[in-house]
Amino acid sequence: MAKRRGVSYKKRVADINRIYDQHAKEGVPNREIWRRYIYPVYGICERTFYNLISASVEPENDIPDDMLSLFNFDEEEDNG
């Protein structure tokens, strides 16, 4: 039986894979990607990093389009 994954997990998988794809195309080794770009932001170990990269190919980890609107962090909120 597969584990149920929440939307925040799926978003984290998508974000980490986006960062990974961006830097892997530049030729940066996996360990450097984890050390420079993933660990400081997400605080996950290297093994978890590799598990999340492999988790992205599983279809149940796709984020439905209607759920993406819940996580719109690109717009800055006015805290004034």
N, C-alpha and C. Protein backbone atom coordinates (compact mmCIF):
# COMPACT_ATOMS: atom_id res chain seq x y z
N MET A 1 0.83 -1.16 0.00
CA MET A 1 0.00 0.00 0.00
C MET A 1 0.89 1.24 0.00
N ALA A 2 0.62 2.17 -0.89
CA ALA A 2 1.42 3.38 -1.02
C ALA A 2 1.04 4.39 0.06
N LYS A 3 2.02 5.21 0.42
CA LYS A 3 1.76 6.26 1.39
C LYS A 3 0.99 7.39 0.73
N ARG A 4 0.09 7.99 1.49
CA ARG A 4 -0.62 9.17 1.00
C ARG A 4 0.29 10.37 1.21
N ARG A 5 0.37 11.20 0.22
CA ARG A 5 1.21 12.38 0.31
C ARG A 5 0.36 13.64 0.23
N GLY A 6 0.66 14.60 1.07
CA GLY A 6 -0.08 15.85 1.08
C GLY A 6 0.42 16.81 0.01
N VAL A 7 -0.29 17.89 -0.13
CA VAL A 7 0.04 18.89 -1.14
C VAL A 7 1.38 19.55 -0.82
N SER A 8 1.68 19.79 0.46
CA SER A 8 2.94 20.43 0.80
C SER A 8 4.13 19.54 0.42
N TYR A 9 3.98 18.22 0.60
CA TYR A 9 5.03 17.30 0.18
C TYR A 9 5.22 17.36 -1.33
N LYS A 10 4.11 17.37 -2.06
CA LYS A 10 4.19 17.41 -3.51
C LYS A 10 4.82 18.71 -3.99
N LYS A 11 4.52 19.82 -3.31
CA LYS A 11 5.11 21.09 -3.68
C LYS A 11 6.61 21.08 -3.40
N ARG A 12 7.01 20.51 -2.27
CA ARG A 12 8.43 20.42 -1.94
C ARG A 12 9.17 19.57 -2.97
N VAL A 13 8.58 18.46 -3.38
CA VAL A 13 9.18 17.61 -4.41
C VAL A 13 9.32 18.40 -5.71
N ALA A 14 8.28 19.13 -6.10
CA ALA A 14 8.33 19.91 -7.33
C ALA A 14 9.39 21.01 -7.25
N ASP A 15 9.48 21.70 -6.12
CA ASP A 15 10.47 22.77 -5.97
C ASP A 15 11.89 22.23 -6.02
N ILE A 16 12.14 21.15 -5.30
CA ILE A 16 13.49 20.57 -5.27
C ILE A 16 13.88 20.06 -6.65
N ASN A 17 12.94 19.45 -7.36
CA ASN A 17 13.25 18.97 -8.70
C ASN A 17 13.47 20.11 -9.68
N ARG A 18 12.76 21.21 -9.50
CA ARG A 18 12.98 22.39 -10.36
C ARG A 18 14.39 22.93 -10.14
N ILE A 19 14.80 23.05 -8.87
CA ILE A 19 16.15 23.53 -8.55
C ILE A 19 17.19 22.55 -9.09
N TYR A 20 16.95 21.26 -8.89
CA TYR A 20 17.88 20.24 -9.37
C TYR A 20 18.04 20.30 -10.89
N ASP A 21 16.92 20.36 -11.61
CA ASP A 21 16.98 20.40 -13.07
C ASP A 21 17.72 21.62 -13.57
N GLN A 22 17.49 22.75 -12.94
CA GLN A 22 18.14 23.99 -13.35
C GLN A 22 19.66 23.87 -13.25
N HIS A 23 20.16 23.35 -12.15
CA HIS A 23 21.60 23.29 -11.93
C HIS A 23 22.24 22.07 -12.57
N ALA A 24 21.51 20.99 -12.73
CA ALA A 24 22.06 19.80 -13.38
C ALA A 24 22.35 20.09 -14.85
N LYS A 25 21.53 20.92 -15.48
CA LYS A 25 21.77 21.30 -16.87
C LYS A 25 23.05 22.10 -17.02
N GLU A 26 23.44 22.80 -15.97
CA GLU A 26 24.68 23.58 -15.98
C GLU A 26 25.91 22.72 -15.72
N GLY A 27 25.69 21.45 -15.37
CA GLY A 27 26.80 20.53 -15.13
C GLY A 27 27.27 20.48 -13.69
N VAL A 28 26.49 21.01 -12.76
CA VAL A 28 26.86 20.98 -11.35
C VAL A 28 26.60 19.58 -10.80
N PRO A 29 27.56 18.99 -10.08
CA PRO A 29 27.35 17.65 -9.52
C PRO A 29 26.21 17.63 -8.50
N ASN A 30 25.58 16.47 -8.35
CA ASN A 30 24.44 16.32 -7.44
C ASN A 30 24.75 16.74 -6.02
N ARG A 31 25.90 16.35 -5.52
CA ARG A 31 26.25 16.68 -4.15
C ARG A 31 26.39 18.20 -3.96
N GLU A 32 26.93 18.89 -4.95
CA GLU A 32 27.05 20.34 -4.89
C GLU A 32 25.68 21.01 -4.95
N ILE A 33 24.79 20.47 -5.77
CA ILE A 33 23.43 21.01 -5.83
C ILE A 33 22.77 20.89 -4.46
N TRP A 34 22.90 19.72 -3.85
CA TRP A 34 22.32 19.52 -2.53
C TRP A 34 22.96 20.46 -1.51
N ARG A 35 24.29 20.54 -1.52
CA ARG A 35 25.01 21.32 -0.50
C ARG A 35 24.78 22.82 -0.64
N ARG A 36 24.77 23.33 -1.88
CA ARG A 36 24.68 24.78 -2.08
C ARG A 36 23.25 25.31 -2.14
N TYR A 37 22.34 24.53 -2.75
CA TYR A 37 21.03 25.08 -3.08
C TYR A 37 19.87 24.43 -2.33
N ILE A 38 19.98 23.16 -1.99
CA ILE A 38 18.86 22.45 -1.37
C ILE A 38 18.95 22.49 0.16
N TYR A 39 20.08 22.09 0.71
CA TYR A 39 20.22 21.99 2.16
C TYR A 39 19.98 23.33 2.88
N PRO A 40 20.54 24.44 2.41
CA PRO A 40 20.31 25.71 3.13
C PRO A 40 18.84 26.13 3.18
N VAL A 41 18.05 25.76 2.18
CA VAL A 41 16.65 26.18 2.13
C VAL A 41 15.75 25.17 2.82
N TYR A 42 15.93 23.88 2.52
CA TYR A 42 15.01 22.86 3.00
C TYR A 42 15.54 22.06 4.19
N GLY A 43 16.83 22.08 4.45
CA GLY A 43 17.40 21.40 5.61
C GLY A 43 17.22 19.90 5.59
N ILE A 44 17.27 19.29 4.42
CA ILE A 44 17.11 17.83 4.31
C ILE A 44 18.46 17.18 4.09
N CYS A 45 18.57 15.92 4.49
CA CYS A 45 19.83 15.22 4.30
C CYS A 45 19.98 14.81 2.83
N GLU A 46 21.18 14.39 2.48
CA GLU A 46 21.47 14.05 1.09
C GLU A 46 20.64 12.85 0.63
N ARG A 47 20.44 11.90 1.48
CA ARG A 47 19.64 10.73 1.12
C ARG A 47 18.19 11.12 0.82
N THR A 48 17.62 12.00 1.62
CA THR A 48 16.27 12.48 1.38
C THR A 48 16.21 13.23 0.05
N PHE A 49 17.25 14.00 -0.25
CA PHE A 49 17.34 14.71 -1.52
C PHE A 49 17.23 13.72 -2.69
N TYR A 50 17.98 12.63 -2.62
CA TYR A 50 17.91 11.63 -3.69
C TYR A 50 16.54 10.94 -3.74
N ASN A 51 15.93 10.71 -2.58
CA ASN A 51 14.59 10.11 -2.55
C ASN A 51 13.56 11.05 -3.18
N LEU A 52 13.67 12.34 -2.94
CA LEU A 52 12.73 13.29 -3.51
C LEU A 52 12.91 13.43 -5.02
N ILE A 53 14.14 13.32 -5.48
CA ILE A 53 14.37 13.37 -6.93
C ILE A 53 13.74 12.16 -7.60
N SER A 54 13.87 10.99 -6.98
CA SER A 54 13.27 9.80 -7.57
C SER A 54 11.76 9.77 -7.39
N ALA A 55 11.23 10.47 -6.39
CA ALA A 55 9.79 10.50 -6.14
C ALA A 55 9.06 11.28 -7.23
N SER A 56 9.76 12.15 -7.93
CA SER A 56 9.09 13.00 -8.90
C SER A 56 8.55 12.21 -10.08
N VAL A 57 9.08 11.03 -10.36
CA VAL A 57 8.62 10.26 -11.50
C VAL A 57 7.35 9.46 -11.20
N GLU A 58 6.95 9.41 -9.94
CA GLU A 58 5.75 8.69 -9.57
C GLU A 58 4.52 9.55 -9.87
N PRO A 59 3.56 9.05 -10.63
CA PRO A 59 2.41 9.87 -11.04
C PRO A 59 1.56 10.36 -9.88
N GLU A 60 1.54 9.66 -8.77
CA GLU A 60 0.71 10.12 -7.65
C GLU A 60 1.31 11.36 -6.98
N ASN A 61 2.53 11.75 -7.35
CA ASN A 61 3.14 12.94 -6.78
C ASN A 61 2.92 14.18 -7.64
N ASP A 62 2.13 14.08 -8.70
CA ASP A 62 1.80 15.25 -9.50
C ASP A 62 0.85 16.15 -8.72
N ILE A 63 1.03 17.43 -8.85
CA ILE A 63 0.18 18.39 -8.16
C ILE A 63 -0.95 18.79 -9.10
N PRO A 64 -2.20 18.63 -8.67
CA PRO A 64 -3.31 19.10 -9.50
C PRO A 64 -3.24 20.61 -9.70
N ASP A 65 -3.64 21.07 -10.88
CA ASP A 65 -3.55 22.50 -11.21
C ASP A 65 -4.34 23.37 -10.25
N ASP A 66 -5.50 22.88 -9.78
CA ASP A 66 -6.30 23.70 -8.88
C ASP A 66 -5.64 23.86 -7.51
N MET A 67 -4.73 22.96 -7.14
CA MET A 67 -4.05 23.06 -5.85
C MET A 67 -2.87 24.02 -5.91
N LEU A 68 -2.32 24.26 -7.09
CA LEU A 68 -1.18 25.15 -7.19
C LEU A 68 -1.51 26.56 -6.77
N SER A 69 -2.75 26.98 -6.95
CA SER A 69 -3.13 28.34 -6.58
C SER A 69 -3.06 28.56 -5.07
N LEU A 70 -3.09 27.50 -4.29
CA LEU A 70 -3.00 27.62 -2.84
C LEU A 70 -1.60 28.02 -2.40
N PHE A 71 -0.60 27.75 -3.24
CA PHE A 71 0.79 27.98 -2.88
C PHE A 71 1.43 29.03 -3.77
N ASN A 72 0.80 30.15 -3.93
CA ASN A 72 1.35 31.21 -4.76
C ASN A 72 2.19 32.13 -3.89
N PHE A 73 3.47 31.80 -3.76
CA PHE A 73 4.38 32.57 -2.92
C PHE A 73 5.14 33.62 -3.72
N ASP A 74 4.91 33.69 -5.03
CA ASP A 74 5.63 34.64 -5.85
C ASP A 74 5.17 36.07 -5.60
N GLU A 75 3.92 36.25 -5.23
CA GLU A 75 3.40 37.58 -4.96
C GLU A 75 3.72 37.95 -3.52
N GLU A 76 4.28 39.14 -3.34
CA GLU A 76 4.60 39.59 -1.99
C GLU A 76 3.35 40.22 -1.38
N GLU A 77 3.12 39.89 -0.14
CA GLU A 77 1.97 40.43 0.57
C GLU A 77 2.33 41.76 1.21
N ASP A 78 1.38 42.66 1.27
CA ASP A 78 1.60 43.95 1.91
C ASP A 78 1.39 43.81 3.40
N ASN A 79 2.46 43.90 4.16
CA ASN A 79 2.38 43.74 5.62
C ASN A 79 2.27 45.09 6.32
N GLY A 80 1.97 46.15 5.58
CA GLY A 80 1.96 47.48 6.16
C GLY A 80 0.66 47.84 6.67
